[in-house]
Amino acid sequence: VRLIVVAVIVLLGYYAIPQLNALPPVTDRAVTPGGRTTR
């Protein structure tokens, strides 16, 4: 379980940095207005 917690921390950091830098677009990925990745 501790490994999962560490993995979640890394993923949060990965997705948090672009969202904190700009509003929107946050990355080249397609995102919803709420900032969630979409296909």
ModelCIF file with pLDDT and N, C-alpha, C, O atoms, coordinates in Angstrom:
data_MODEL
#
_entry.id   MODEL 
#
_entity.id                         1 
_entity.type                       polymer 
_entity.pdbx_number_of_molecules   1 
#
_entity_poly.entity_id                      1 
_entity_poly.type                           'polypeptide(L)' 
_entity_poly.nstd_linkage                   no 
_entity_poly.nstd_monomer                   no 
_entity_poly.pdbx_seq_one_letter_code       VRLIVVAVIVLLGYYAIPQLNALPPVTDRAVTPGGRTTR 
_entity_poly.pdbx_seq_one_letter_code_can   VRLIVVAVIVLLGYYAIPQLNALPPVTDRAVTPGGRTTR 
_entity_poly.pdbx_strand_id                 A 
#
loop_
_entity_poly_seq.entity_id 
_entity_poly_seq.num 
_entity_poly_seq.mon_id 
_entity_poly_seq.hetero 
1 1  VAL n 
1 2  ARG n 
1 3  LEU n 
1 4  ILE n 
1 5  VAL n 
1 6  VAL n 
1 7  ALA n 
1 8  VAL n 
1 9  ILE n 
1 10 VAL n 
1 11 LEU n 
1 12 LEU n 
1 13 GLY n 
1 14 TYR n 
1 15 TYR n 
1 16 ALA n 
1 17 ILE n 
1 18 PRO n 
1 19 GLN n 
1 20 LEU n 
1 21 ASN n 
1 22 ALA n 
1 23 LEU n 
1 24 PRO n 
1 25 PRO n 
1 26 VAL n 
1 27 THR n 
1 28 ASP n 
1 29 ARG n 
1 30 ALA n 
1 31 VAL n 
1 32 THR n 
1 33 PRO n 
1 34 GLY n 
1 35 GLY n 
1 36 ARG n 
1 37 THR n 
1 38 THR n 
1 39 ARG n 
#
_struct_asym.id          A 
_struct_asym.entity_id   1 
#
loop_
_ma_qa_metric.id 
_ma_qa_metric.mode 
_ma_qa_metric.name 
_ma_qa_metric.software_group_id 
_ma_qa_metric.type 
1 global pLDDT . pLDDT 
2 local  pLDDT . pLDDT 
#
_ma_qa_metric_global.metric_id      1 
_ma_qa_metric_global.metric_value   66.77 
_ma_qa_metric_global.model_id       1 
_ma_qa_metric_global.ordinal_id     1 
#
loop_
_ma_qa_metric_local.label_asym_id 
_ma_qa_metric_local.label_comp_id 
_ma_qa_metric_local.label_seq_id 
_ma_qa_metric_local.metric_id 
_ma_qa_metric_local.metric_value 
_ma_qa_metric_local.model_id 
_ma_qa_metric_local.ordinal_id 
A VAL 1  2 71.00 1 1  
A ARG 2  2 70.00 1 2  
A LEU 3  2 75.00 1 3  
A ILE 4  2 76.00 1 4  
A VAL 5  2 70.00 1 5  
A VAL 6  2 70.00 1 6  
A ALA 7  2 74.00 1 7  
A VAL 8  2 71.00 1 8  
A ILE 9  2 68.00 1 9  
A VAL 10 2 70.00 1 10 
A LEU 11 2 69.00 1 11 
A LEU 12 2 65.00 1 12 
A GLY 13 2 63.00 1 13 
A TYR 14 2 61.00 1 14 
A TYR 15 2 61.00 1 15 
A ALA 16 2 59.00 1 16 
A ILE 17 2 59.00 1 17 
A PRO 18 2 58.00 1 18 
A GLN 19 2 55.00 1 19 
A LEU 20 2 56.00 1 20 
A ASN 21 2 55.00 1 21 
A ALA 22 2 47.00 1 22 
A LEU 23 2 48.00 1 23 
A PRO 24 2 49.00 1 24 
A PRO 25 2 47.00 1 25 
A VAL 26 2 45.00 1 26 
A THR 27 2 49.00 1 27 
A ASP 28 2 57.00 1 28 
A ARG 29 2 65.00 1 29 
A ALA 30 2 76.00 1 30 
A VAL 31 2 79.00 1 31 
A THR 32 2 82.00 1 32 
A PRO 33 2 81.00 1 33 
A GLY 34 2 86.00 1 34 
A GLY 35 2 83.00 1 35 
A ARG 36 2 86.00 1 36 
A THR 37 2 83.00 1 37 
A THR 38 2 84.00 1 38 
A ARG 39 2 81.00 1 39 
#
loop_
_atom_site.group_PDB 
_atom_site.id 
_atom_site.type_symbol 
_atom_site.label_atom_id 
_atom_site.label_alt_id 
_atom_site.label_comp_id 
_atom_site.label_asym_id 
_atom_site.label_entity_id 
_atom_site.label_seq_id 
_atom_site.pdbx_PDB_ins_code 
_atom_site.Cartn_x 
_atom_site.Cartn_y 
_atom_site.Cartn_z 
_atom_site.occupancy 
_atom_site.B_iso_or_equiv 
_atom_site.pdbx_formal_charge 
_atom_site.auth_seq_id 
_atom_site.auth_comp_id 
_atom_site.auth_asym_id 
_atom_site.auth_atom_id 
_atom_site.pdbx_PDB_model_num 
ATOM 1   N N  . VAL A 1 1  ? 0.834   -1.205 0.000   1.00 71.00 ? 1  VAL A N  1 
ATOM 2   C CA . VAL A 1 1  ? 0.000   0.000  0.000   1.00 71.00 ? 1  VAL A CA 1 
ATOM 3   C C  . VAL A 1 1  ? 0.869   1.255  0.000   1.00 71.00 ? 1  VAL A C  1 
ATOM 4   O O  . VAL A 1 1  ? 0.517   2.251  -0.632  1.00 71.00 ? 1  VAL A O  1 
ATOM 5   N N  . ARG A 1 2  ? 2.009   1.215  0.708   1.00 70.00 ? 2  ARG A N  1 
ATOM 6   C CA . ARG A 1 2  ? 2.885   2.387  0.745   1.00 70.00 ? 2  ARG A CA 1 
ATOM 7   C C  . ARG A 1 2  ? 3.441   2.695  -0.645  1.00 70.00 ? 2  ARG A C  1 
ATOM 8   O O  . ARG A 1 2  ? 3.652   3.859  -0.987  1.00 70.00 ? 2  ARG A O  1 
ATOM 9   N N  . LEU A 1 3  ? 3.676   1.658  -1.442  1.00 75.00 ? 3  LEU A N  1 
ATOM 10  C CA . LEU A 1 3  ? 4.148   1.889  -2.807  1.00 75.00 ? 3  LEU A CA 1 
ATOM 11  C C  . LEU A 1 3  ? 3.088   2.607  -3.631  1.00 75.00 ? 3  LEU A C  1 
ATOM 12  O O  . LEU A 1 3  ? 3.406   3.467  -4.453  1.00 75.00 ? 3  LEU A O  1 
ATOM 13  N N  . ILE A 1 4  ? 1.826   2.250  -3.406  1.00 76.00 ? 4  ILE A N  1 
ATOM 14  C CA . ILE A 1 4  ? 0.739   2.915  -4.124  1.00 76.00 ? 4  ILE A CA 1 
ATOM 15  C C  . ILE A 1 4  ? 0.651   4.377  -3.720  1.00 76.00 ? 4  ILE A C  1 
ATOM 16  O O  . ILE A 1 4  ? 0.425   5.243  -4.566  1.00 76.00 ? 4  ILE A O  1 
ATOM 17  N N  . VAL A 1 5  ? 0.828   4.659  -2.429  1.00 70.00 ? 5  VAL A N  1 
ATOM 18  C CA . VAL A 1 5  ? 0.785   6.041  -1.965  1.00 70.00 ? 5  VAL A CA 1 
ATOM 19  C C  . VAL A 1 5  ? 1.890   6.859  -2.627  1.00 70.00 ? 5  VAL A C  1 
ATOM 20  O O  . VAL A 1 5  ? 1.644   7.979  -3.075  1.00 70.00 ? 5  VAL A O  1 
ATOM 21  N N  . VAL A 1 6  ? 3.100   6.313  -2.694  1.00 70.00 ? 6  VAL A N  1 
ATOM 22  C CA . VAL A 1 6  ? 4.207   7.016  -3.338  1.00 70.00 ? 6  VAL A CA 1 
ATOM 23  C C  . VAL A 1 6  ? 3.912   7.225  -4.821  1.00 70.00 ? 6  VAL A C  1 
ATOM 24  O O  . VAL A 1 6  ? 4.198   8.291  -5.366  1.00 70.00 ? 6  VAL A O  1 
ATOM 25  N N  . ALA A 1 7  ? 3.337   6.206  -5.480  1.00 74.00 ? 7  ALA A N  1 
ATOM 26  C CA . ALA A 1 7  ? 2.989   6.332  -6.897  1.00 74.00 ? 7  ALA A CA 1 
ATOM 27  C C  . ALA A 1 7  ? 1.959   7.432  -7.103  1.00 74.00 ? 7  ALA A C  1 
ATOM 28  O O  . ALA A 1 7  ? 2.051   8.189  -8.070  1.00 74.00 ? 7  ALA A O  1 
ATOM 29  N N  . VAL A 1 8  ? 0.982   7.532  -6.211  1.00 71.00 ? 8  VAL A N  1 
ATOM 30  C CA . VAL A 1 8  ? -0.037  8.584  -6.302  1.00 71.00 ? 8  VAL A CA 1 
ATOM 31  C C  . VAL A 1 8  ? 0.600   9.955  -6.158  1.00 71.00 ? 8  VAL A C  1 
ATOM 32  O O  . VAL A 1 8  ? 0.216   10.892 -6.858  1.00 71.00 ? 8  VAL A O  1 
ATOM 33  N N  . ILE A 1 9  ? 1.577   10.085 -5.251  1.00 68.00 ? 9  ILE A N  1 
ATOM 34  C CA . ILE A 1 9  ? 2.266   11.363 -5.071  1.00 68.00 ? 9  ILE A CA 1 
ATOM 35  C C  . ILE A 1 9  ? 2.964   11.780 -6.365  1.00 68.00 ? 9  ILE A C  1 
ATOM 36  O O  . ILE A 1 9  ? 2.886   12.939 -6.771  1.00 68.00 ? 9  ILE A O  1 
ATOM 37  N N  . VAL A 1 10 ? 3.646   10.828 -7.009  1.00 70.00 ? 10 VAL A N  1 
ATOM 38  C CA . VAL A 1 10 ? 4.346   11.135 -8.264  1.00 70.00 ? 10 VAL A CA 1 
ATOM 39  C C  . VAL A 1 10 ? 3.357   11.544 -9.354  1.00 70.00 ? 10 VAL A C  1 
ATOM 40  O O  . VAL A 1 10 ? 3.589   12.515 -10.075 1.00 70.00 ? 10 VAL A O  1 
ATOM 41  N N  . LEU A 1 11 ? 2.257   10.805 -9.473  1.00 69.00 ? 11 LEU A N  1 
ATOM 42  C CA . LEU A 1 11 ? 1.250   11.124 -10.485 1.00 69.00 ? 11 LEU A CA 1 
ATOM 43  C C  . LEU A 1 11 ? 0.606   12.483 -10.225 1.00 69.00 ? 11 LEU A C  1 
ATOM 44  O O  . LEU A 1 11 ? 0.358   13.242 -11.162 1.00 69.00 ? 11 LEU A O  1 
ATOM 45  N N  . LEU A 1 12 ? 0.334   12.792 -8.961  1.00 65.00 ? 12 LEU A N  1 
ATOM 46  C CA . LEU A 1 12 ? -0.240  14.096 -8.632  1.00 65.00 ? 12 LEU A CA 1 
ATOM 47  C C  . LEU A 1 12 ? 0.702   15.215 -9.040  1.00 65.00 ? 12 LEU A C  1 
ATOM 48  O O  . LEU A 1 12 ? 0.273   16.226 -9.595  1.00 65.00 ? 12 LEU A O  1 
ATOM 49  N N  . GLY A 1 13 ? 1.998   15.031 -8.763  1.00 63.00 ? 13 GLY A N  1 
ATOM 50  C CA . GLY A 1 13 ? 2.962   16.048 -9.160  1.00 63.00 ? 13 GLY A CA 1 
ATOM 51  C C  . GLY A 1 13 ? 3.027   16.214 -10.667 1.00 63.00 ? 13 GLY A C  1 
ATOM 52  O O  . GLY A 1 13 ? 3.123   17.333 -11.170 1.00 63.00 ? 13 GLY A O  1 
ATOM 53  N N  . TYR A 1 14 ? 2.975   15.091 -11.395 1.00 61.00 ? 14 TYR A N  1 
ATOM 54  C CA . TYR A 1 14 ? 3.051   15.124 -12.856 1.00 61.00 ? 14 TYR A CA 1 
ATOM 55  C C  . TYR A 1 14 ? 1.884   15.898 -13.457 1.00 61.00 ? 14 TYR A C  1 
ATOM 56  O O  . TYR A 1 14 ? 2.068   16.700 -14.372 1.00 61.00 ? 14 TYR A O  1 
ATOM 57  N N  . TYR A 1 15 ? 0.681   15.654 -12.939 1.00 61.00 ? 15 TYR A N  1 
ATOM 58  C CA . TYR A 1 15 ? -0.501  16.315 -13.481 1.00 61.00 ? 15 TYR A CA 1 
ATOM 59  C C  . TYR A 1 15 ? -0.730  17.695 -12.873 1.00 61.00 ? 15 TYR A C  1 
ATOM 60  O O  . TYR A 1 15 ? -1.419  18.528 -13.462 1.00 61.00 ? 15 TYR A O  1 
ATOM 61  N N  . ALA A 1 16 ? -0.156  17.936 -11.702 1.00 59.00 ? 16 ALA A N  1 
ATOM 62  C CA . ALA A 1 16 ? -0.392  19.219 -11.044 1.00 59.00 ? 16 ALA A CA 1 
ATOM 63  C C  . ALA A 1 16 ? 0.401   20.342 -11.669 1.00 59.00 ? 16 ALA A C  1 
ATOM 64  O O  . ALA A 1 16 ? -0.120  21.447 -11.822 1.00 59.00 ? 16 ALA A O  1 
ATOM 65  N N  . ILE A 1 17 ? 1.653   20.092 -12.038 1.00 59.00 ? 17 ILE A N  1 
ATOM 66  C CA . ILE A 1 17 ? 2.538   21.161 -12.508 1.00 59.00 ? 17 ILE A CA 1 
ATOM 67  C C  . ILE A 1 17 ? 1.959   21.917 -13.696 1.00 59.00 ? 17 ILE A C  1 
ATOM 68  O O  . ILE A 1 17 ? 1.915   23.147 -13.652 1.00 59.00 ? 17 ILE A O  1 
ATOM 69  N N  . PRO A 1 18 ? 1.505   21.233 -14.776 1.00 58.00 ? 18 PRO A N  1 
ATOM 70  C CA . PRO A 1 18 ? 0.948   22.009 -15.900 1.00 58.00 ? 18 PRO A CA 1 
ATOM 71  C C  . PRO A 1 18 ? -0.335  22.749 -15.538 1.00 58.00 ? 18 PRO A C  1 
ATOM 72  O O  . PRO A 1 18 ? -0.577  23.832 -16.070 1.00 58.00 ? 18 PRO A O  1 
ATOM 73  N N  . GLN A 1 19 ? -1.157  22.206 -14.659 1.00 55.00 ? 19 GLN A N  1 
ATOM 74  C CA . GLN A 1 19 ? -2.397  22.880 -14.300 1.00 55.00 ? 19 GLN A CA 1 
ATOM 75  C C  . GLN A 1 19 ? -2.143  24.116 -13.457 1.00 55.00 ? 19 GLN A C  1 
ATOM 76  O O  . GLN A 1 19 ? -2.919  25.070 -13.500 1.00 55.00 ? 19 GLN A O  1 
ATOM 77  N N  . LEU A 1 20 ? -1.064  24.107 -12.693 1.00 56.00 ? 20 LEU A N  1 
ATOM 78  C CA . LEU A 1 20 ? -0.748  25.266 -11.862 1.00 56.00 ? 20 LEU A CA 1 
ATOM 79  C C  . LEU A 1 20 ? -0.044  26.353 -12.657 1.00 56.00 ? 20 LEU A C  1 
ATOM 80  O O  . LEU A 1 20 ? -0.017  27.509 -12.234 1.00 56.00 ? 20 LEU A O  1 
ATOM 81  N N  . ASN A 1 21 ? 0.521   26.001 -13.795 1.00 55.00 ? 21 ASN A N  1 
ATOM 82  C CA . ASN A 1 21 ? 1.268   26.974 -14.591 1.00 55.00 ? 21 ASN A CA 1 
ATOM 83  C C  . ASN A 1 21 ? 0.390   27.822 -15.482 1.00 55.00 ? 21 ASN A C  1 
ATOM 84  O O  . ASN A 1 21 ? 0.749   28.955 -15.804 1.00 55.00 ? 21 ASN A O  1 
ATOM 85  N N  . ALA A 1 22 ? -0.749  27.303 -15.885 1.00 47.00 ? 22 ALA A N  1 
ATOM 86  C CA . ALA A 1 22 ? -1.575  28.044 -16.847 1.00 47.00 ? 22 ALA A CA 1 
ATOM 87  C C  . ALA A 1 22 ? -3.020  27.605 -16.747 1.00 47.00 ? 22 ALA A C  1 
ATOM 88  O O  . ALA A 1 22 ? -3.323  26.494 -16.314 1.00 47.00 ? 22 ALA A O  1 
ATOM 89  N N  . LEU A 1 23 ? -3.912  28.506 -17.159 1.00 48.00 ? 23 LEU A N  1 
ATOM 90  C CA . LEU A 1 23 ? -5.347  28.232 -17.211 1.00 48.00 ? 23 LEU A CA 1 
ATOM 91  C C  . LEU A 1 23 ? -5.889  28.698 -18.547 1.00 48.00 ? 23 LEU A C  1 
ATOM 92  O O  . LEU A 1 23 ? -5.559  29.788 -19.015 1.00 48.00 ? 23 LEU A O  1 
ATOM 93  N N  . PRO A 1 24 ? -6.730  27.863 -19.166 1.00 49.00 ? 24 PRO A N  1 
ATOM 94  C CA . PRO A 1 24 ? -6.243  26.743 -19.920 1.00 49.00 ? 24 PRO A CA 1 
ATOM 95  C C  . PRO A 1 24 ? -5.661  27.259 -21.227 1.00 49.00 ? 24 PRO A C  1 
ATOM 96  O O  . PRO A 1 24 ? -5.765  28.472 -21.406 1.00 49.00 ? 24 PRO A O  1 
ATOM 97  N N  . PRO A 1 25 ? -5.072  26.541 -22.160 1.00 47.00 ? 25 PRO A N  1 
ATOM 98  C CA . PRO A 1 25 ? -4.849  25.114 -22.036 1.00 47.00 ? 25 PRO A CA 1 
ATOM 99  C C  . PRO A 1 25 ? -3.680  24.818 -21.114 1.00 47.00 ? 25 PRO A C  1 
ATOM 100 O O  . PRO A 1 25 ? -2.768  25.634 -20.982 1.00 47.00 ? 25 PRO A O  1 
ATOM 101 N N  . VAL A 1 26 ? -3.701  23.682 -20.492 1.00 45.00 ? 26 VAL A N  1 
ATOM 102 C CA . VAL A 1 26 ? -2.649  23.351 -19.555 1.00 45.00 ? 26 VAL A CA 1 
ATOM 103 C C  . VAL A 1 26 ? -1.562  22.492 -20.194 1.00 45.00 ? 26 VAL A C  1 
ATOM 104 O O  . VAL A 1 26 ? -0.399  22.583 -19.800 1.00 45.00 ? 26 VAL A O  1 
ATOM 105 N N  . THR A 1 27 ? -1.914  21.671 -21.163 1.00 49.00 ? 27 THR A N  1 
ATOM 106 C CA . THR A 1 27 ? -0.946  20.848 -21.878 1.00 49.00 ? 27 THR A CA 1 
ATOM 107 C C  . THR A 1 27 ? -1.450  20.687 -23.302 1.00 49.00 ? 27 THR A C  1 
ATOM 108 O O  . THR A 1 27 ? -2.476  21.252 -23.679 1.00 49.00 ? 27 THR A O  1 
ATOM 109 N N  . ASP A 1 28 ? -0.720  19.915 -24.081 1.00 57.00 ? 28 ASP A N  1 
ATOM 110 C CA . ASP A 1 28 ? -1.155  19.625 -25.450 1.00 57.00 ? 28 ASP A CA 1 
ATOM 111 C C  . ASP A 1 28 ? -2.259  18.568 -25.472 1.00 57.00 ? 28 ASP A C  1 
ATOM 112 O O  . ASP A 1 28 ? -2.894  18.359 -26.506 1.00 57.00 ? 28 ASP A O  1 
ATOM 113 N N  . ARG A 1 29 ? -2.491  17.903 -24.344 1.00 65.00 ? 29 ARG A N  1 
ATOM 114 C CA . ARG A 1 29 ? -3.550  16.906 -24.296 1.00 65.00 ? 29 ARG A CA 1 
ATOM 115 C C  . ARG A 1 29 ? -4.906  17.591 -24.319 1.00 65.00 ? 29 ARG A C  1 
ATOM 116 O O  . ARG A 1 29 ? -5.058  18.720 -23.852 1.00 65.00 ? 29 ARG A O  1 
ATOM 117 N N  . ALA A 1 30 ? -5.897  16.880 -24.876 1.00 76.00 ? 30 ALA A N  1 
ATOM 118 C CA . ALA A 1 30 ? -7.261  17.393 -24.838 1.00 76.00 ? 30 ALA A CA 1 
ATOM 119 C C  . ALA A 1 30 ? -7.758  17.304 -23.410 1.00 76.00 ? 30 ALA A C  1 
ATOM 120 O O  . ALA A 1 30 ? -7.670  16.252 -22.778 1.00 76.00 ? 30 ALA A O  1 
ATOM 121 N N  . VAL A 1 31 ? -8.278  18.401 -22.905 1.00 79.00 ? 31 VAL A N  1 
ATOM 122 C CA . VAL A 1 31 ? -8.776  18.426 -21.533 1.00 79.00 ? 31 VAL A CA 1 
ATOM 123 C C  . VAL A 1 31 ? -10.164 19.040 -21.508 1.00 79.00 ? 31 VAL A C  1 
ATOM 124 O O  . VAL A 1 31 ? -10.522 19.838 -22.375 1.00 79.00 ? 31 VAL A O  1 
ATOM 125 N N  . THR A 1 32 ? -10.935 18.659 -20.507 1.00 82.00 ? 32 THR A N  1 
ATOM 126 C CA . THR A 1 32 ? -12.245 19.259 -20.296 1.00 82.00 ? 32 THR A CA 1 
ATOM 127 C C  . THR A 1 32 ? -12.053 20.622 -19.653 1.00 82.00 ? 32 THR A C  1 
ATOM 128 O O  . THR A 1 32 ? -10.950 20.925 -19.198 1.00 82.00 ? 32 THR A O  1 
ATOM 129 N N  . PRO A 1 33 ? -13.092 21.462 -19.598 1.00 81.00 ? 33 PRO A N  1 
ATOM 130 C CA . PRO A 1 33 ? -12.953 22.764 -18.945 1.00 81.00 ? 33 PRO A CA 1 
ATOM 131 C C  . PRO A 1 33 ? -12.520 22.658 -17.489 1.00 81.00 ? 33 PRO A C  1 
ATOM 132 O O  . PRO A 1 33 ? -11.923 23.592 -16.953 1.00 81.00 ? 33 PRO A O  1 
ATOM 133 N N  . GLY A 1 34 ? -12.812 21.531 -16.843 1.00 86.00 ? 34 GLY A N  1 
ATOM 134 C CA . GLY A 1 34 ? -12.419 21.357 -15.449 1.00 86.00 ? 34 GLY A CA 1 
ATOM 135 C C  . GLY A 1 34 ? -10.995 20.877 -15.261 1.00 86.00 ? 34 GLY A C  1 
ATOM 136 O O  . GLY A 1 34 ? -10.546 20.699 -14.129 1.00 86.00 ? 34 GLY A O  1 
ATOM 137 N N  . GLY A 1 35 ? -10.268 20.662 -16.368 1.00 83.00 ? 35 GLY A N  1 
ATOM 138 C CA . GLY A 1 35 ? -8.864  20.274 -16.274 1.00 83.00 ? 35 GLY A CA 1 
ATOM 139 C C  . GLY A 1 35 ? -8.606  18.786 -16.315 1.00 83.00 ? 35 GLY A C  1 
ATOM 140 O O  . GLY A 1 35 ? -7.493  18.355 -16.013 1.00 83.00 ? 35 GLY A O  1 
ATOM 141 N N  . ARG A 1 36 ? -9.604  17.974 -16.680 1.00 86.00 ? 36 ARG A N  1 
ATOM 142 C CA . ARG A 1 36 ? -9.431  16.524 -16.704 1.00 86.00 ? 36 ARG A CA 1 
ATOM 143 C C  . ARG A 1 36 ? -9.123  16.051 -18.121 1.00 86.00 ? 36 ARG A C  1 
ATOM 144 O O  . ARG A 1 36 ? -9.693  16.552 -19.090 1.00 86.00 ? 36 ARG A O  1 
ATOM 145 N N  . THR A 1 37 ? -8.223  15.090 -18.231 1.00 83.00 ? 37 THR A N  1 
ATOM 146 C CA . THR A 1 37 ? -7.827  14.562 -19.533 1.00 83.00 ? 37 THR A CA 1 
ATOM 147 C C  . THR A 1 37 ? -8.985  13.802 -20.175 1.00 83.00 ? 37 THR A C  1 
ATOM 148 O O  . THR A 1 37 ? -9.702  13.056 -19.508 1.00 83.00 ? 37 THR A O  1 
ATOM 149 N N  . THR A 1 38 ? -9.154  14.008 -21.487 1.00 84.00 ? 38 THR A N  1 
ATOM 150 C CA . THR A 1 38 ? -10.190 13.304 -22.230 1.00 84.00 ? 38 THR A CA 1 
ATOM 151 C C  . THR A 1 38 ? -9.586  12.715 -23.494 1.00 84.00 ? 38 THR A C  1 
ATOM 152 O O  . THR A 1 38 ? -8.585  13.217 -24.005 1.00 84.00 ? 38 THR A O  1 
ATOM 153 N N  . ARG A 1 39 ? -10.193 11.655 -23.993 1.00 81.00 ? 39 ARG A N  1 
ATOM 154 C CA . ARG A 1 39 ? -9.704  11.013 -25.210 1.00 81.00 ? 39 ARG A CA 1 
ATOM 155 C C  . ARG A 1 39 ? -10.096 11.795 -26.453 1.00 81.00 ? 39 ARG A C  1 
ATOM 156 O O  . ARG A 1 39 ? -9.762  11.392 -27.567 1.00 81.00 ? 39 ARG A O  1 
#
